[in-house]
Amino acid sequence: MKNLFFFFTCIINFSVFSQNLPNGFVYLSEIDNSIKTELRYLGDNNFIGKPINGYYNNCVIVTKETADALHKIQTVLAKKGLSLKVFDAYRPQQAVNHFVKWAKVLNDTLMKSEYYPKVPKSELFKRGYIASKSGHTRGSTVDLTIVNLKTGKELDMGSPYDFFGIESHPFYQNVEKSQKENRMQLRTIMLANGFKPYDNEWWHFTLKNEPFPKTYFNFPIKS
């Protein structure tokens, strides 16, 4: 009887901490485990300042096509002593809903000075920083940067990840020459491997031929 109880306990625990991904999705680490990851919405280092609904593990989930493309990019960067670092990839709809709910609470400005110092919270929807739908939820959009493997540090892009402001526009001019070069290095290699950029964020790219262009998923991010 004791052994039977242990058996069922193991099954329950396994079901809590694992999942079968929808067809067409993979864990990025299964394709390339050398790519660095820091899912910002898993913790409190993000524009809300709290963990976001749907994030349970620091595991990057993307469509298989996206993973393959990132692997090709990583192979090129590794030869230069560099690596990709992913801040966000597939994002469940419940996380997007969390953003929307937060944006409507105008007095919750915990991270304003760090992430949106020049933007009134009441204008986050109007300016397009928050929306009810996100390309991330389709599984082929990634937010990322480049890391120097020797130092372990991110390349200086001139503005932090997820900063709400014109400073994050890829071609923003009021940054140093080296910062422009770092942005263009990321942009060039992403475009060369089948991704299209987003005009307002240097870190944001979507696979051109994404397999689920009209489907918004809601399964959680867990291993």
Protein backbone atom coordinates (compact mmCIF):
# COMPACT_ATOMS: atom_id res chain seq x y z
CA MET A 1 0.00 0.00 0.00
CA LYS A 2 2.88 2.32 0.87
CA ASN A 3 4.55 1.64 -2.48
CA LEU A 4 1.29 2.30 -4.31
CA PHE A 5 0.93 5.66 -2.55
CA PHE A 6 4.50 6.57 -3.53
CA PHE A 7 3.76 5.60 -7.16
CA PHE A 8 0.73 7.88 -7.40
CA THR A 9 2.57 10.69 -5.62
CA CYS A 10 5.27 10.53 -8.28
CA ILE A 11 2.66 10.70 -11.03
CA ILE A 12 1.03 13.76 -9.46
CA ASN A 13 4.36 15.52 -8.99
CA PHE A 14 5.40 14.73 -12.54
CA SER A 15 2.17 16.14 -13.93
CA VAL A 16 2.64 19.39 -12.01
CA PHE A 17 6.15 20.03 -13.23
CA SER A 18 6.03 18.80 -16.81
CA GLN A 19 3.85 19.28 -19.83
CA ASN A 20 3.43 18.10 -23.37
CA LEU A 21 3.91 21.05 -25.66
CA PRO A 22 1.49 21.63 -28.54
CA ASN A 23 2.59 20.21 -31.87
CA GLY A 24 5.10 22.51 -33.50
CA PHE A 25 6.57 23.87 -30.23
CA VAL A 26 9.87 22.94 -28.59
CA TYR A 27 12.01 23.89 -25.65
CA LEU A 28 14.86 25.95 -27.09
CA SER A 29 17.37 24.10 -24.89
CA GLU A 30 16.52 20.87 -26.74
CA ILE A 31 17.73 22.46 -29.98
CA ASP A 32 20.57 24.59 -28.59
CA ASN A 33 21.41 24.56 -24.89
CA SER A 34 24.23 27.09 -25.30
CA ILE A 35 21.86 30.04 -25.78
CA LYS A 36 21.60 32.12 -22.60
CA THR A 37 18.19 32.73 -21.06
CA GLU A 38 16.83 35.17 -18.52
CA LEU A 39 13.05 35.23 -18.65
CA ARG A 40 12.38 38.62 -17.07
CA TYR A 41 8.69 37.94 -16.51
CA LEU A 42 9.53 34.98 -14.29
CA GLY A 43 10.77 37.30 -11.54
CA ASP A 44 10.38 40.93 -10.51
CA ASN A 45 12.99 42.53 -12.81
CA ASN A 46 10.42 43.81 -15.30
CA PHE A 47 8.20 46.86 -15.91
CA ILE A 48 5.53 45.61 -13.49
CA GLY A 49 7.97 44.60 -10.76
CA LYS A 50 6.33 41.26 -10.03
CA PRO A 51 6.27 37.73 -11.55
CA ILE A 52 3.85 37.51 -14.45
CA ASN A 53 1.02 35.00 -14.78
CA GLY A 54 1.93 31.89 -16.76
CA TYR A 55 5.69 31.92 -16.08
CA TYR A 56 6.87 29.05 -13.86
CA ASN A 57 10.37 28.09 -15.07
CA ASN A 58 13.29 29.76 -16.81
CA CYS A 59 12.75 27.70 -19.94
CA VAL A 60 12.36 29.24 -23.39
CA ILE A 61 9.56 27.82 -25.54
CA VAL A 62 9.28 28.62 -29.24
CA THR A 63 8.10 27.07 -32.48
CA LYS A 64 10.48 24.51 -33.98
CA GLU A 65 11.21 26.79 -36.93
CA THR A 66 12.17 29.62 -34.60
CA ALA A 67 14.44 27.37 -32.56
CA ASP A 68 16.22 26.15 -35.68
CA ALA A 69 16.80 29.72 -36.86
CA LEU A 70 18.15 30.79 -33.46
CA HIS A 71 20.50 27.80 -33.49
CA LYS A 72 21.96 28.96 -36.81
CA ILE A 73 22.49 32.44 -35.41
CA GLN A 74 24.10 31.06 -32.26
CA THR A 75 26.54 29.01 -34.34
CA VAL A 76 27.72 32.15 -36.13
CA LEU A 77 28.00 34.21 -32.94
CA ALA A 78 29.88 31.48 -31.06
CA LYS A 79 32.71 31.71 -33.57
CA LYS A 80 33.07 35.36 -32.53
CA GLY A 81 33.03 34.62 -28.82
CA LEU A 82 29.43 35.81 -28.52
CA SER A 83 26.07 34.31 -27.58
CA LEU A 84 22.40 35.12 -27.84
CA LYS A 85 20.54 35.85 -24.61
CA VAL A 86 16.75 35.50 -24.61
CA PHE A 87 14.59 37.69 -22.35
CA ASP A 88 11.23 36.45 -23.63
CA ALA A 89 9.90 34.19 -26.35
CA TYR A 90 6.56 32.38 -26.35
CA ARG A 91 4.27 34.30 -23.99
CA PRO A 92 0.93 32.82 -22.87
CA GLN A 93 -2.22 34.89 -23.33
CA GLN A 94 -2.70 34.89 -19.55
CA ALA A 95 0.51 36.93 -19.28
CA VAL A 96 -0.76 39.44 -21.83
CA ASN A 97 -3.99 39.68 -19.85
CA HIS A 98 -1.89 40.36 -16.75
CA PHE A 99 -0.22 43.30 -18.53
CA VAL A 100 -3.59 44.71 -19.59
CA LYS A 101 -5.04 44.43 -16.08
CA TRP A 102 -1.97 46.10 -14.58
CA ALA A 103 -2.02 48.96 -17.10
CA LYS A 104 -5.54 49.90 -15.99
CA VAL A 105 -4.43 50.38 -12.36
CA LEU A 106 -2.96 53.84 -12.80
CA ASN A 107 -1.57 54.20 -9.27
CA ASP A 108 0.59 51.05 -9.58
CA THR A 109 3.82 52.66 -10.78
CA LEU A 110 6.39 50.64 -8.85
CA MET A 111 8.87 50.44 -11.76
CA LYS A 112 8.08 53.71 -13.53
CA SER A 113 11.43 55.38 -12.89
CA GLU A 114 13.29 52.45 -14.40
CA TYR A 115 11.11 51.40 -17.32
CA TYR A 116 8.83 54.28 -18.37
CA PRO A 117 10.04 57.51 -16.72
CA LYS A 118 8.85 59.80 -19.53
CA VAL A 119 5.56 58.03 -20.38
CA PRO A 120 2.39 58.61 -18.31
CA LYS A 121 0.97 55.23 -17.39
CA SER A 122 -2.41 56.40 -18.67
CA GLU A 123 -0.91 56.52 -22.19
CA LEU A 124 0.65 53.05 -22.33
CA PHE A 125 -2.23 51.70 -24.45
CA LYS A 126 -2.39 54.75 -26.70
CA ARG A 127 1.32 54.62 -27.44
CA GLY A 128 1.28 50.89 -28.13
CA TYR A 129 3.39 49.70 -25.23
CA ILE A 130 0.54 47.53 -23.90
CA ALA A 131 -1.98 45.68 -26.09
CA SER A 132 -4.56 42.93 -25.67
CA LYS A 133 -2.75 40.72 -28.22
CA SER A 134 0.94 40.02 -28.65
CA GLY A 135 2.94 38.36 -31.40
CA HIS A 136 4.81 36.53 -28.65
CA THR A 137 1.71 34.47 -27.98
CA ARG A 138 1.99 32.93 -31.46
CA GLY A 139 5.31 31.36 -30.50
CA SER A 140 7.67 32.80 -33.11
CA THR A 141 8.61 36.16 -31.61
CA VAL A 142 11.67 36.61 -29.42
CA ASP A 143 13.14 39.38 -27.28
CA LEU A 144 16.91 39.03 -27.07
CA THR A 145 20.35 40.55 -26.99
CA ILE A 146 23.98 39.49 -27.44
CA VAL A 147 26.41 38.50 -24.69
CA ASN A 148 30.20 38.57 -24.70
CA LEU A 149 31.19 35.06 -23.63
CA LYS A 150 34.58 36.13 -22.29
CA THR A 151 33.19 38.77 -19.93
CA GLY A 152 29.72 37.28 -19.48
CA LYS A 153 28.23 40.72 -19.98
CA GLU A 154 25.53 41.87 -22.38
CA LEU A 155 26.65 44.16 -25.18
CA ASP A 156 25.71 47.77 -24.45
CA MET A 157 22.67 48.58 -26.60
CA GLY A 158 22.16 52.11 -25.34
CA SER A 159 18.88 51.40 -23.52
CA PRO A 160 17.70 48.61 -21.22
CA TYR A 161 15.48 45.77 -22.37
CA ASP A 162 11.77 46.65 -22.18
CA PHE A 163 12.41 50.36 -21.77
CA PHE A 164 9.32 52.31 -22.90
CA GLY A 165 10.60 55.25 -24.91
CA ILE A 166 12.12 56.43 -28.18
CA GLU A 167 15.54 55.51 -26.80
CA SER A 168 14.64 51.88 -27.57
CA HIS A 169 13.92 52.51 -31.27
CA PRO A 170 16.56 50.59 -33.27
CA PHE A 171 17.74 53.68 -35.16
CA TYR A 172 17.60 56.14 -32.28
CA GLN A 173 20.50 58.51 -32.93
CA ASN A 174 21.36 59.86 -29.48
CA VAL A 175 23.48 56.87 -28.46
CA GLU A 176 27.19 56.20 -28.71
CA LYS A 177 28.77 54.79 -31.86
CA SER A 178 29.56 51.48 -30.18
CA GLN A 179 25.93 51.15 -29.00
CA LYS A 180 24.67 51.75 -32.54
CA GLU A 181 27.09 49.13 -33.82
CA ASN A 182 25.89 46.61 -31.23
CA ARG A 183 22.26 47.21 -32.19
CA MET A 184 23.09 46.81 -35.87
CA GLN A 185 25.06 43.63 -35.24
CA LEU A 186 22.01 42.06 -33.58
CA ARG A 187 19.63 43.40 -36.22
CA THR A 188 21.80 42.30 -39.16
CA ILE A 189 22.25 38.72 -38.02
CA MET A 190 18.57 38.34 -37.13
CA LEU A 191 17.42 39.65 -40.52
CA ALA A 192 19.93 37.44 -42.32
CA ASN A 193 18.36 34.39 -40.69
CA GLY A 194 14.71 34.93 -41.47
CA PHE A 195 13.50 37.32 -38.77
CA LYS A 196 11.78 40.67 -39.19
CA PRO A 197 12.34 43.51 -36.69
CA TYR A 198 9.92 45.69 -34.77
CA ASP A 199 10.33 49.43 -35.36
CA ASN A 200 10.05 50.49 -31.72
CA GLU A 201 12.26 47.92 -29.94
CA TRP A 202 15.83 46.96 -30.79
CA TRP A 203 15.41 43.57 -29.03
CA HIS A 204 12.16 42.38 -30.69
CA PHE A 205 12.10 40.04 -33.72
CA THR A 206 9.51 37.77 -35.34
CA LEU A 207 10.15 34.87 -37.70
CA LYS A 208 8.99 35.99 -41.17
CA ASN A 209 7.31 32.71 -42.06
CA GLU A 210 5.89 31.95 -38.63
CA PRO A 211 3.84 28.72 -38.59
CA PHE A 212 0.96 30.07 -36.46
CA PRO A 213 0.34 33.62 -37.75
CA LYS A 214 -3.23 33.80 -36.46
CA THR A 215 -3.19 31.54 -33.39
CA TYR A 216 -2.72 32.87 -29.86
CA PHE A 217 -1.79 30.17 -27.35
CA ASN A 218 -2.27 30.09 -23.59
CA PHE A 219 -0.36 27.10 -22.21
CA PRO A 220 2.02 27.95 -19.32
CA ILE A 221 5.79 28.27 -19.45
CA LYS A 222 7.10 25.38 -17.44
CA SER A 223 9.43 22.44 -17.96
